C-alpha atoms as a PDB file:
ATOM      1  CA  MET A   1     -54.373 177.042  92.274  1.00  0.00           C
ATOM      2  CA  VAL A   2     -53.062 179.824  94.105  1.00  0.00           C
ATOM      3  CA  GLU A   3     -49.672 179.384  95.517  1.00  0.00           C
ATOM      4  CA  ASN A   4     -49.287 177.057  98.292  1.00  0.00           C
ATOM      5  CA  ARG A   5     -47.948 179.752 100.749  1.00  0.00           C
ATOM      6  CA  HIS A   6     -48.340 177.377 104.126  1.00  0.00           C
ATOM      7  CA  LYS A   7     -46.442 174.822 102.708  1.00  0.00           C
ATOM      8  CA  ALA A   8     -43.405 177.071 101.746  1.00  0.00           C
ATOM      9  CA  MET A   9     -43.147 178.108 105.422  1.00  0.00           C
ATOM     10  CA  GLY A  10     -43.216 174.568 106.527  1.00  0.00           C
ATOM     11  CA  LEU A  11     -46.586 174.281 107.619  1.00  0.00           C
ATOM     12  CA  THR A  12     -48.621 170.765 106.811  1.00  0.00           C
ATOM     13  CA  ASP A  13     -52.140 170.675 105.356  1.00  0.00           C
ATOM     14  CA  GLU A  14     -53.851 169.526 108.993  1.00  0.00           C
ATOM     15  CA  THR A  15     -51.952 172.483 110.994  1.00  0.00           C
ATOM     16  CA  VAL A  16     -53.279 175.204 108.791  1.00  0.00           C
ATOM     17  CA  LEU A  17     -56.970 173.077 108.953  1.00  0.00           C
ATOM     18  CA  GLU A  18     -56.463 173.167 113.002  1.00  0.00           C
ATOM     19  CA  ILE A  19     -55.974 177.055 112.453  1.00  0.00           C
ATOM     20  CA  TYR A  20     -59.016 177.645 110.438  1.00  0.00           C
ATOM     21  CA  GLU A  21     -60.700 175.471 112.747  1.00  0.00           C
ATOM     22  CA  ASN A  22     -59.250 177.442 115.904  1.00  0.00           C
ATOM     23  CA  MET A  23     -60.711 180.832 114.183  1.00  0.00           C
ATOM     24  CA  LEU A  24     -64.235 179.314 113.581  1.00  0.00           C
ATOM     25  CA  MET A  25     -64.421 178.005 116.839  1.00  0.00           C
ATOM     26  CA  SER A  26     -63.389 181.648 118.382  1.00  0.00           C
ATOM     27  CA  ARG A  27     -66.203 182.948 116.222  1.00  0.00           C
ATOM     28  CA  ARG A  28     -69.190 180.501 117.149  1.00  0.00           C
ATOM     29  CA  VAL A  29     -68.286 180.578 120.750  1.00  0.00           C
ATOM     30  CA  ASP A  30     -68.121 184.629 120.637  1.00  0.00           C
ATOM     31  CA  GLU A  31     -71.353 184.312 118.965  1.00  0.00           C
ATOM     32  CA  ARG A  32     -73.482 182.457 121.157  1.00  0.00           C
ATOM     33  CA  MET A  33     -71.683 184.515 124.169  1.00  0.00           C
ATOM     34  CA  TRP A  34     -73.638 187.811 122.287  1.00  0.00           C
ATOM     35  CA  LEU A  35     -76.746 185.299 121.927  1.00  0.00           C
ATOM     36  CA  LEU A  36     -76.644 184.671 125.867  1.00  0.00           C
ATOM     37  CA  ASN A  37     -75.873 188.296 126.204  1.00  0.00           C
ATOM     38  CA  ARG A  38     -78.849 189.803 124.886  1.00  0.00           C
ATOM     39  CA  SER A  39     -81.341 187.326 126.087  1.00  0.00           C
ATOM     40  CA  GLY A  40     -80.360 188.494 129.326  1.00  0.00           C
ATOM     41  CA  LYS A  41     -78.608 184.641 130.297  1.00  0.00           C
ATOM     42  CA  ILE A  42     -74.792 186.278 130.751  1.00  0.00           C
ATOM     43  CA  PRO A  43     -73.994 189.604 132.318  1.00  0.00           C
ATOM     44  CA  PHE A  44     -71.383 190.688 129.879  1.00  0.00           C
ATOM     45  CA  VAL A  45     -69.093 190.003 126.539  1.00  0.00           C
ATOM     46  CA  ILE A  46     -66.240 191.477 125.163  1.00  0.00           C
ATOM     47  CA  SER A  47     -65.325 190.267 121.696  1.00  0.00           C
ATOM     48  CA  CYS A  48     -62.594 188.580 119.557  1.00  0.00           C
ATOM     49  CA  GLN A  49     -64.735 189.142 116.345  1.00  0.00           C
ATOM     50  CA  GLY A  50     -62.362 190.263 113.553  1.00  0.00           C
ATOM     51  CA  GLN A  51     -58.934 189.120 115.402  1.00  0.00           C
ATOM     52  CA  GLU A  52     -59.084 185.486 115.122  1.00  0.00           C
ATOM     53  CA  ALA A  53     -56.558 185.068 112.530  1.00  0.00           C
ATOM     54  CA  ALA A  54     -53.891 187.218 114.593  1.00  0.00           C
ATOM     55  CA  GLN A  55     -54.519 185.017 117.919  1.00  0.00           C
ATOM     56  CA  ALA A  56     -54.883 181.762 116.114  1.00  0.00           C
ATOM     57  CA  GLY A  57     -51.726 182.674 113.938  1.00  0.00           C
ATOM     58  CA  ALA A  58     -49.413 183.469 116.563  1.00  0.00           C
ATOM     59  CA  ALA A  59     -50.658 180.531 119.271  1.00  0.00           C
ATOM     60  CA  PHE A  60     -49.691 178.077 116.684  1.00  0.00           C
ATOM     61  CA  ALA A  61     -46.294 179.722 116.144  1.00  0.00           C
ATOM     62  CA  LEU A  62     -45.548 179.086 119.923  1.00  0.00           C
ATOM     63  CA  ASP A  63     -44.220 175.993 121.847  1.00  0.00           C
ATOM     64  CA  ARG A  64     -47.966 175.275 123.587  1.00  0.00           C
ATOM     65  CA  ASN A  65     -46.143 172.934 126.286  1.00  0.00           C
ATOM     66  CA  LYS A  66     -43.708 175.394 127.818  1.00  0.00           C
ATOM     67  CA  ASP A  67     -43.745 178.670 126.901  1.00  0.00           C
ATOM     68  CA  TYR A  68     -46.129 181.117 129.025  1.00  0.00           C
ATOM     69  CA  VAL A  69     -49.064 183.165 127.336  1.00  0.00           C
ATOM     70  CA  LEU A  70     -50.447 186.223 129.147  1.00  0.00           C
ATOM     71  CA  PRO A  71     -53.690 187.449 127.230  1.00  0.00           C
ATOM     72  CA  TYR A  72     -55.681 190.266 126.853  1.00  0.00           C
ATOM     73  CA  TYR A  73     -59.633 190.118 127.183  1.00  0.00           C
ATOM     74  CA  ARG A  74     -60.596 189.174 123.522  1.00  0.00           C
ATOM     75  CA  ASP A  75     -57.724 186.636 123.164  1.00  0.00           C
ATOM     76  CA  VAL A  76     -60.450 183.482 122.903  1.00  0.00           C
ATOM     77  CA  GLY A  77     -58.211 182.279 119.916  1.00  0.00           C
ATOM     78  CA  VAL A  78     -54.838 182.566 121.934  1.00  0.00           C
ATOM     79  CA  VAL A  79     -56.570 180.543 125.137  1.00  0.00           C
ATOM     80  CA  LEU A  80     -58.619 178.008 123.249  1.00  0.00           C
ATOM     81  CA  ALA A  81     -55.281 176.790 121.337  1.00  0.00           C
ATOM     82  CA  PHE A  82     -53.570 176.872 124.306  1.00  0.00           C
ATOM     83  CA  GLY A  83     -55.922 174.278 126.156  1.00  0.00           C
ATOM     84  CA  MET A  84     -58.963 175.678 127.243  1.00  0.00           C
ATOM     85  CA  THR A  85     -62.055 174.207 126.128  1.00  0.00           C
ATOM     86  CA  PRO A  86     -64.890 175.938 124.918  1.00  0.00           C
ATOM     87  CA  ARG A  87     -67.390 174.716 127.807  1.00  0.00           C
ATOM     88  CA  ASP A  88     -64.612 176.814 130.252  1.00  0.00           C
ATOM     89  CA  LEU A  89     -65.086 180.039 128.628  1.00  0.00           C
ATOM     90  CA  MET A  90     -68.957 179.489 128.703  1.00  0.00           C
ATOM     91  CA  LEU A  91     -68.613 178.284 132.523  1.00  0.00           C
ATOM     92  CA  SER A  92     -66.952 181.613 132.843  1.00  0.00           C
ATOM     93  CA  GLY A  93     -69.386 183.691 130.843  1.00  0.00           C
ATOM     94  CA  PHE A  94     -72.066 182.355 133.334  1.00  0.00           C
ATOM     95  CA  ALA A  95     -70.077 183.090 136.420  1.00  0.00           C
ATOM     96  CA  LYS A  96     -70.216 179.542 137.329  1.00  0.00           C
ATOM     97  CA  ALA A  97     -68.332 177.744 140.578  1.00  0.00           C
ATOM     98  CA  GLU A  98     -66.056 175.570 138.148  1.00  0.00           C
ATOM     99  CA  ASP A  99     -65.069 178.344 135.650  1.00  0.00           C
ATOM    100  CA  PRO A 100     -61.350 177.936 135.332  1.00  0.00           C
ATOM    101  CA  SER A 101     -59.997 181.491 135.681  1.00  0.00           C
ATOM    102  CA  SER A 102     -61.931 182.969 138.762  1.00  0.00           C
ATOM    103  CA  GLY A 103     -64.472 180.292 140.046  1.00  0.00           C
ATOM    104  CA  GLY A 104     -66.998 182.829 138.889  1.00  0.00           C
ATOM    105  CA  ARG A 105     -65.335 186.124 140.309  1.00  0.00           C
ATOM    106  CA  GLN A 106     -64.243 187.458 137.712  1.00  0.00           C
ATOM    107  CA  MET A 107     -65.504 189.216 134.522  1.00  0.00           C
ATOM    108  CA  PRO A 108     -65.378 186.913 131.258  1.00  0.00           C
ATOM    109  CA  GLY A 109     -62.377 187.312 129.132  1.00  0.00           C
ATOM    110  CA  HIS A 110     -59.676 187.324 132.634  1.00  0.00           C
ATOM    111  CA  PHE A 111     -58.563 184.169 131.542  1.00  0.00           C
ATOM    112  CA  GLY A 112     -56.579 182.022 133.342  1.00  0.00           C
ATOM    113  CA  GLN A 113     -55.241 178.092 134.079  1.00  0.00           C
ATOM    114  CA  LYS A 114     -52.128 177.380 135.259  1.00  0.00           C
ATOM    115  CA  LYS A 115     -51.955 174.073 133.849  1.00  0.00           C
ATOM    116  CA  ASN A 116     -52.036 175.230 130.601  1.00  0.00           C
ATOM    117  CA  ARG A 117     -49.787 178.298 131.621  1.00  0.00           C
ATOM    118  CA  ILE A 118     -52.060 180.742 130.791  1.00  0.00           C
ATOM    119  CA  VAL A 119     -51.708 183.626 132.960  1.00  0.00           C
ATOM    120  CA  THR A 120     -54.782 185.914 134.130  1.00  0.00           C
ATOM    121  CA  GLY A 121     -54.753 189.384 133.445  1.00  0.00           C
ATOM    122  CA  SER A 122     -56.842 192.093 135.136  1.00  0.00           C
ATOM    123  CA  SER A 123     -59.465 194.515 134.755  1.00  0.00           C
ATOM    124  CA  PRO A 124     -57.323 197.570 134.601  1.00  0.00           C
ATOM    125  CA  VAL A 125     -55.725 197.434 131.126  1.00  0.00           C
ATOM    126  CA  THR A 126     -51.967 196.402 130.490  1.00  0.00           C
ATOM    127  CA  THR A 127     -50.993 194.974 133.856  1.00  0.00           C
ATOM    128  CA  GLN A 128     -49.933 191.467 132.101  1.00  0.00           C
ATOM    129  CA  VAL A 129     -47.334 193.249 130.754  1.00  0.00           C
ATOM    130  CA  PRO A 130     -44.814 193.892 133.690  1.00  0.00           C
ATOM    131  CA  HIS A 131     -46.197 190.041 134.563  1.00  0.00           C
ATOM    132  CA  ALA A 132     -44.751 188.435 131.335  1.00  0.00           C
ATOM    133  CA  VAL A 133     -41.527 190.212 131.409  1.00  0.00           C
ATOM    134  CA  GLY A 134     -41.223 189.302 135.016  1.00  0.00           C
ATOM    135  CA  ILE A 135     -41.766 185.457 134.399  1.00  0.00           C
ATOM    136  CA  ALA A 136     -39.542 185.877 131.280  1.00  0.00           C
ATOM    137  CA  LEU A 137     -36.379 187.076 133.907  1.00  0.00           C
ATOM    138  CA  ALA A 138     -37.686 184.022 136.029  1.00  0.00           C
ATOM    139  CA  GLY A 139     -37.118 181.752 133.325  1.00  0.00           C
ATOM    140  CA  LYS A 140     -34.030 183.103 132.356  1.00  0.00           C
ATOM    141  CA  MET A 141     -32.303 183.028 135.509  1.00  0.00           C
ATOM    142  CA  GLN A 142     -33.324 179.477 136.336  1.00  0.00           C
ATOM    143  CA  GLY A 143     -31.958 178.216 132.685  1.00  0.00           C
ATOM    144  CA  GLU A 144     -35.498 177.569 131.504  1.00  0.00           C
ATOM    145  CA  ASP A 145     -36.231 177.110 127.591  1.00  0.00           C
ATOM    146  CA  LEU A 146     -39.228 179.506 127.716  1.00  0.00           C
ATOM    147  CA  VAL A 147     -40.616 182.172 126.081  1.00  0.00           C
ATOM    148  CA  THR A 148     -43.519 184.509 127.151  1.00  0.00           C
ATOM    149  CA  PHE A 149     -46.074 185.706 124.687  1.00  0.00           C
ATOM    150  CA  VAL A 150     -48.377 188.866 125.808  1.00  0.00           C
ATOM    151  CA  THR A 151     -50.777 190.553 124.185  1.00  0.00           C
ATOM    152  CA  PHE A 152     -52.687 194.263 124.170  1.00  0.00           C
ATOM    153  CA  GLY A 153     -54.272 196.845 122.135  1.00  0.00           C
ATOM    154  CA  GLU A 154     -53.210 199.747 120.683  1.00  0.00           C
ATOM    155  CA  GLY A 155     -55.067 201.440 123.257  1.00  0.00           C
ATOM    156  CA  SER A 156     -52.834 199.984 126.011  1.00  0.00           C
ATOM    157  CA  SER A 157     -49.526 200.710 124.077  1.00  0.00           C
ATOM    158  CA  ASN A 158     -50.004 203.685 125.573  1.00  0.00           C
ATOM    159  CA  GLN A 159     -50.117 202.855 129.127  1.00  0.00           C
ATOM    160  CA  GLY A 160     -47.449 203.256 131.409  1.00  0.00           C
ATOM    161  CA  ASP A 161     -47.314 199.050 132.242  1.00  0.00           C
ATOM    162  CA  PHE A 162     -46.252 198.724 128.671  1.00  0.00           C
ATOM    163  CA  HIS A 163     -43.264 200.996 128.642  1.00  0.00           C
ATOM    164  CA  GLU A 164     -41.637 200.107 131.408  1.00  0.00           C
ATOM    165  CA  GLY A 165     -42.207 195.946 130.630  1.00  0.00           C
ATOM    166  CA  ALA A 166     -40.429 196.996 127.411  1.00  0.00           C
ATOM    167  CA  ASN A 167     -38.011 198.801 128.592  1.00  0.00           C
ATOM    168  CA  PHE A 168     -36.909 196.488 131.344  1.00  0.00           C
ATOM    169  CA  ALA A 169     -36.940 193.365 128.697  1.00  0.00           C
ATOM    170  CA  GLY A 170     -34.897 195.240 126.009  1.00  0.00           C
ATOM    171  CA  VAL A 171     -32.147 195.799 128.620  1.00  0.00           C
ATOM    172  CA  HIS A 172     -32.038 192.417 129.839  1.00  0.00           C
ATOM    173  CA  LYS A 173     -32.607 190.975 126.662  1.00  0.00           C
ATOM    174  CA  LEU A 174     -35.785 188.460 128.010  1.00  0.00           C
ATOM    175  CA  PRO A 175     -37.278 186.174 126.110  1.00  0.00           C
ATOM    176  CA  VAL A 176     -40.563 188.053 125.271  1.00  0.00           C
ATOM    177  CA  ILE A 177     -42.890 188.456 122.543  1.00  0.00           C
ATOM    178  CA  PHE A 178     -44.877 191.392 123.003  1.00  0.00           C
ATOM    179  CA  MET A 179     -47.816 191.321 120.363  1.00  0.00           C
ATOM    180  CA  CYS A 180     -49.950 194.733 119.973  1.00  0.00           C
ATOM    181  CA  GLU A 181     -53.399 193.398 118.621  1.00  0.00           C
ATOM    182  CA  ASN A 182     -54.379 197.181 116.525  1.00  0.00           C
ATOM    183  CA  ASN A 183     -58.258 197.094 115.923  1.00  0.00           C
ATOM    184  CA  LYS A 184     -58.287 200.630 114.842  1.00  0.00           C
ATOM    185  CA  TYR A 185     -60.210 201.556 118.297  1.00  0.00           C
ATOM    186  CA  ALA A 186     -59.264 201.902 121.844  1.00  0.00           C
ATOM    187  CA  ILE A 187     -63.442 202.002 123.027  1.00  0.00           C
ATOM    188  CA  SER A 188     -64.214 204.896 120.953  1.00  0.00           C
ATOM    189  CA  VAL A 189     -61.064 206.477 120.206  1.00  0.00           C
ATOM    190  CA  PRO A 190     -59.489 205.757 116.684  1.00  0.00           C
ATOM    191  CA  ILE A 191     -56.221 205.209 116.340  1.00  0.00           C
ATOM    192  CA  GLU A 192     -55.409 208.435 114.628  1.00  0.00           C
ATOM    193  CA  LYS A 193     -56.148 209.960 117.847  1.00  0.00           C
ATOM    194  CA  GLN A 194     -54.137 207.670 119.989  1.00  0.00           C
ATOM    195  CA  LEU A 195     -50.616 207.420 118.378  1.00  0.00           C
ATOM    196  CA  GLY A 196     -47.867 210.455 117.735  1.00  0.00           C
ATOM    197  CA  CYS A 197     -46.270 207.964 115.551  1.00  0.00           C
ATOM    198  CA  ALA A 198     -47.053 206.204 112.683  1.00  0.00           C
ATOM    199  CA  LYS A 199     -47.475 202.829 113.652  1.00  0.00           C
ATOM    200  CA  VAL A 200     -47.240 200.746 117.624  1.00  0.00           C
ATOM    201  CA  SER A 201     -43.892 198.962 115.919  1.00  0.00           C
ATOM    202  CA  ASP A 202     -42.349 202.167 115.571  1.00  0.00           C
ATOM    203  CA  ARG A 203     -41.969 202.554 119.345  1.00  0.00           C
ATOM    204  CA  ALA A 204     -39.950 199.180 119.775  1.00  0.00           C
ATOM    205  CA  ILE A 205     -36.294 200.618 118.603  1.00  0.00           C
ATOM    206  CA  GLY A 206     -36.546 202.887 121.452  1.00  0.00           C
ATOM    207  CA  TYR A 207     -36.299 199.854 123.965  1.00  0.00           C
ATOM    208  CA  GLY A 208     -33.542 198.130 121.857  1.00  0.00           C
ATOM    209  CA  MET A 209     -36.138 195.449 120.096  1.00  0.00           C
ATOM    210  CA  PRO A 210     -36.983 194.673 116.524  1.00  0.00           C
ATOM    211  CA  GLY A 211     -40.733 196.109 115.604  1.00  0.00           C
ATOM    212  CA  PHE A 212     -42.830 194.744 112.738  1.00  0.00           C
ATOM    213  CA  THR A 213     -46.292 195.320 111.810  1.00  0.00           C
ATOM    214  CA  VAL A 214     -48.056 192.926 109.878  1.00  0.00           C
ATOM    215  CA  ASP A 215     -51.467 192.178 108.766  1.00  0.00           C
ATOM    216  CA  GLY A 216     -53.954 190.670 111.232  1.00  0.00           C
ATOM    217  CA  ASN A 217     -56.095 189.299 109.008  1.00  0.00           C
ATOM    218  CA  ASP A 218     -53.485 186.914 107.550  1.00  0.00           C
ATOM    219  CA  PRO A 219     -52.473 184.199 110.056  1.00  0.00           C
ATOM    220  CA  LEU A 220     -49.733 182.734 107.962  1.00  0.00           C
ATOM    221  CA  GLU A 221     -48.470 186.479 107.999  1.00  0.00           C
ATOM    222  CA  VAL A 222     -49.005 186.353 112.107  1.00  0.00           C
ATOM    223  CA  TYR A 223     -47.397 183.078 112.260  1.00  0.00           C
ATOM    224  CA  GLN A 224     -44.206 183.722 110.319  1.00  0.00           C
ATOM    225  CA  ALA A 225     -43.750 186.976 112.146  1.00  0.00           C
ATOM    226  CA  VAL A 226     -44.338 184.973 115.890  1.00  0.00           C
ATOM    227  CA  LYS A 227     -42.116 181.826 115.372  1.00  0.00           C
ATOM    228  CA  GLU A 228     -39.337 184.037 114.091  1.00  0.00           C
ATOM    229  CA  ALA A 229     -39.572 186.333 117.350  1.00  0.00           C
ATOM    230  CA  ALA A 230     -40.101 183.164 118.880  1.00  0.00           C
ATOM    231  CA  ASP A 231     -36.925 181.604 117.562  1.00  0.00           C
ATOM    232  CA  ARG A 232     -35.057 185.071 118.053  1.00  0.00           C
ATOM    233  CA  ALA A 233     -35.718 185.333 121.786  1.00  0.00           C
ATOM    234  CA  ARG A 234     -34.434 181.094 122.396  1.00  0.00           C
ATOM    235  CA  ARG A 235     -31.326 181.923 121.063  1.00  0.00           C
ATOM    236  CA  GLY A 236     -31.219 184.573 123.712  1.00  0.00           C
ATOM    237  CA  GLU A 237     -31.595 187.665 121.480  1.00  0.00           C
ATOM    238  CA  GLY A 238     -34.281 189.451 123.448  1.00  0.00           C
ATOM    239  CA  PRO A 239     -37.365 190.870 122.752  1.00  0.00           C
ATOM    240  CA  THR A 240     -39.602 191.147 119.857  1.00  0.00           C
ATOM    241  CA  LEU A 241     -42.545 193.873 119.230  1.00  0.00           C
ATOM    242  CA  ILE A 242     -45.560 192.731 116.528  1.00  0.00           C
ATOM    243  CA  GLU A 243     -48.083 195.167 115.817  1.00  0.00           C
ATOM    244  CA  THR A 244     -50.975 193.170 114.197  1.00  0.00           C
ATOM    245  CA  VAL A 245     -53.060 195.426 112.213  1.00  0.00           C
ATOM    246  CA  SER A 246     -57.593 194.437 111.704  1.00  0.00           C
ATOM    247  CA  TYR A 247     -60.396 195.528 112.950  1.00  0.00           C
ATOM    248  CA  ARG A 248     -62.727 195.025 115.725  1.00  0.00           C
ATOM    249  CA  LEU A 249     -66.168 193.980 114.009  1.00  0.00           C
ATOM    250  CA  THR A 250     -68.147 194.287 117.119  1.00  0.00           C
ATOM    251  CA  ALA A 251     -68.811 197.343 119.389  1.00  0.00           C
ATOM    252  CA  HIS A 252     -66.084 197.390 122.474  1.00  0.00           C
ATOM    253  CA  SER A 253     -68.288 195.147 124.733  1.00  0.00           C
ATOM    254  CA  SER A 254     -71.961 194.331 125.170  1.00  0.00           C
ATOM    255  CA  ASP A 255     -72.102 197.584 127.275  1.00  0.00           C
ATOM    256  CA  ASP A 256     -71.269 199.555 123.947  1.00  0.00           C
ATOM    257  CA  ASP A 257     -72.673 201.551 121.117  1.00  0.00           C
ATOM    258  CA  ASP A 258     -70.354 201.683 118.754  1.00  0.00           C
ATOM    259  CA  ARG A 259     -73.084 203.563 116.205  1.00  0.00           C
ATOM    260  CA  THR A 260     -71.853 206.403 118.256  1.00  0.00           C
ATOM    261  CA  TYR A 261     -68.384 206.861 116.595  1.00  0.00           C
ATOM    262  CA  ARG A 262     -68.144 204.662 113.886  1.00  0.00           C
ATOM    263  CA  ALA A 263     -70.154 204.938 110.346  1.00  0.00           C
ATOM    264  CA  PRO A 264     -71.477 201.739 109.434  1.00  0.00           C
ATOM    265  CA  ASP A 265     -70.192 201.940 106.407  1.00  0.00           C
ATOM    266  CA  GLU A 266     -67.288 201.654 108.006  1.00  0.00           C
ATOM    267  CA  VAL A 267     -67.749 198.370 109.333  1.00  0.00           C
ATOM    268  CA  ALA A 268     -68.991 197.075 106.279  1.00  0.00           C
ATOM    269  CA  ASP A 269     -66.112 197.455 104.734  1.00  0.00           C
ATOM    270  CA  ALA A 270     -64.164 195.740 107.090  1.00  0.00           C
ATOM    271  CA  LYS A 271     -66.549 192.758 107.330  1.00  0.00           C
ATOM    272  CA  THR A 272     -65.581 191.939 103.374  1.00  0.00           C
ATOM    273  CA  LYS A 273     -62.359 191.476 104.562  1.00  0.00           C
ATOM    274  CA  ASP A 274     -63.354 189.282 107.556  1.00  0.00           C
ATOM    275  CA  PRO A 275     -60.440 186.471 108.418  1.00  0.00           C
ATOM    276  CA  ILE A 276     -62.642 183.909 108.864  1.00  0.00           C
ATOM    277  CA  ILE A 277     -63.681 184.140 104.946  1.00  0.00           C
ATOM    278  CA  THR A 278     -60.426 185.329 103.471  1.00  0.00           C
ATOM    279  CA  PHE A 279     -58.812 182.308 105.097  1.00  0.00           C
ATOM    280  CA  GLY A 280     -61.258 179.857 104.362  1.00  0.00           C
ATOM    281  CA  ALA A 281     -61.307 180.890 101.114  1.00  0.00           C
ATOM    282  CA  TYR A 282     -57.189 180.475 100.557  1.00  0.00           C
ATOM    283  CA  LEU A 283     -57.517 177.015 101.950  1.00  0.00           C
ATOM    284  CA  LYS A 284     -60.416 176.140  99.207  1.00  0.00           C
ATOM    285  CA  GLU A 285     -58.256 177.774  96.577  1.00  0.00           C
ATOM    286  CA  THR A 286     -55.319 175.641  97.893  1.00  0.00           C
ATOM    287  CA  GLY A 287     -57.684 172.302  97.838  1.00  0.00           C
ATOM    288  CA  VAL A 288     -56.997 171.607 101.339  1.00  0.00           C
ATOM    289  CA  LEU A 289     -60.605 172.756 102.622  1.00  0.00           C
ATOM    290  CA  THR A 290     -63.621 171.430 100.245  1.00  0.00           C
ATOM    291  CA  ASP A 291     -67.618 172.658 100.410  1.00  0.00           C
ATOM    292  CA  GLU A 292     -68.248 169.433 102.164  1.00  0.00           C
ATOM    293  CA  LEU A 293     -64.990 169.254 104.801  1.00  0.00           C
ATOM    294  CA  GLU A 294     -66.221 172.842 105.745  1.00  0.00           C
ATOM    295  CA  GLU A 295     -69.796 172.096 106.356  1.00  0.00           C
ATOM    296  CA  GLN A 296     -68.621 168.339 108.449  1.00  0.00           C
ATOM    297  CA  ILE A 297     -66.295 171.198 110.696  1.00  0.00           C
ATOM    298  CA  ASN A 298     -68.817 173.776 110.856  1.00  0.00           C
ATOM    299  CA  LYS A 299     -71.321 170.954 112.431  1.00  0.00           C
ATOM    300  CA  LYS A 300     -68.986 169.245 114.677  1.00  0.00           C
ATOM    301  CA  ILE A 301     -67.842 172.973 116.037  1.00  0.00           C
ATOM    302  CA  MET A 302     -71.723 174.112 116.537  1.00  0.00           C
ATOM    303  CA  GLN A 303     -72.383 170.312 118.724  1.00  0.00           C
ATOM    304  CA  ILE A 304     -69.076 171.270 120.620  1.00  0.00           C
ATOM    305  CA  VAL A 305     -70.368 174.634 121.481  1.00  0.00           C
ATOM    306  CA  ASN A 306     -73.841 173.430 122.049  1.00  0.00           C
ATOM    307  CA  GLU A 307     -73.018 170.948 124.424  1.00  0.00           C
ATOM    308  CA  ALA A 308     -70.938 173.630 126.472  1.00  0.00           C
ATOM    309  CA  THR A 309     -73.523 176.086 126.618  1.00  0.00           C
ATOM    310  CA  ASP A 310     -76.087 173.598 128.116  1.00  0.00           C
ATOM    311  CA  TYR A 311     -73.428 172.321 130.545  1.00  0.00           C
ATOM    312  CA  ALA A 312     -72.434 175.934 131.539  1.00  0.00           C
ATOM    313  CA  GLU A 313     -76.000 176.985 132.124  1.00  0.00           C
ATOM    314  CA  ASN A 314     -76.822 174.119 134.118  1.00  0.00           C
ATOM    315  CA  ALA A 315     -74.041 173.946 136.258  1.00  0.00           C
ATOM    316  CA  PRO A 316     -74.366 175.300 139.671  1.00  0.00           C
ATOM    317  CA  TYR A 317     -73.037 179.011 141.184  1.00  0.00           C
ATOM    318  CA  ALA A 318     -70.634 178.927 143.901  1.00  0.00           C
ATOM    319  CA  GLU A 319     -71.307 179.159 147.473  1.00  0.00           C
ATOM    320  CA  PRO A 320     -72.122 182.861 148.745  1.00  0.00           C
ATOM    321  CA  GLU A 321     -69.814 182.236 151.641  1.00  0.00           C
ATOM    322  CA  SER A 322     -66.807 181.449 149.098  1.00  0.00           C
ATOM    323  CA  ALA A 323     -66.597 185.092 147.981  1.00  0.00           C
ATOM    324  CA  LEU A 324     -64.345 185.910 150.989  1.00  0.00           C
ATOM    325  CA  ARG A 325     -61.923 182.852 150.009  1.00  0.00           C
ATOM    326  CA  TYR A 326     -58.098 184.388 148.903  1.00  0.00           C
ATOM    327  CA  VAL A 327     -59.464 187.838 150.001  1.00  0.00           C
ATOM    328  CA  TYR A 328     -58.933 186.937 154.393  1.00  0.00           C
ATOM    329  CA  ALA A 329     -56.556 184.366 155.574  1.00  0.00           C
ATOM    330  CA  GLU A 330     -58.272 180.918 156.546  1.00  0.00           C
ATOM    331  CA  GLN A 331     -58.106 178.845 159.522  1.00  0.00           C
ATOM    332  CA  GLU A 332     -57.978 175.237 158.401  1.00  0.00           C
ATOM    333  CA  GLY A 333     -61.369 173.731 158.603  1.00  0.00           C
ATOM    334  CA  GLU A 334     -63.045 176.780 157.271  1.00  0.00           C
ATOM    335  CA  PHE A 335     -65.588 177.221 154.431  1.00  0.00           C
END
């Protein structure tokens, strides 16, 4: 038996199994989206594969009953943990009327669900960062016990929105957790051509906050970092920047051909560190997961994904006239 790290962190066997199920559900939903796209049934996929550990570890470290999350487009694991369902995500993929994020108006990955405090993003990257800071400011002014958690890629950390948001949060000691999911590529641009510093977390000191770089393939390491940042924020000590380092196992999106800028050997090597496999191995080594239980979990997840796919594929599209809703002022009785 290996060292039982999760017990030392105060996590139960049940909780780490939930984290594993979240990671596996994220992967299976994502894989199904690719199959649907390649068969011509949905128009677009932007993948979470390779980043599930960071997303699950972070989400489980937050208070999912009162904290706000402002996810970026790959954060399937975060939004599933905060209450979105595979059916919700499939409805978005098919752009159906019941899509909770936008009623089928937005591209997939623009997650939003008011009841679960999931705040939608925008196609221009990093715009969610100032919004997260604004929500944190409002919470502080109103005396609410809340933390805002915002994610973005390492390419987005070069955008002005990140720097302006981080500076404002640092000045006002706001309860914000900035988590950069560094997957090594901003579309086709590798990390070494993006940053003048060694790590994204090196930028934290300029904004008066601590910065940490952690293994994004290890959900327990990410959990620990985000939990400490959340506790710090609740004590009124201000924001934290966390950089999770992983690898994007797929092309940037279903419209991208990563063979033009990544060597096949590089991708193959990254797949040997797949967090689904490595965390599953840890759970087996600690006696939390057995082959029989793993099979049961896989069957349950595939049934949920299949049902979500069938429901979304057969759900109605929005009425064409509804495209004008929320664009122009409406008089009572219209639409």
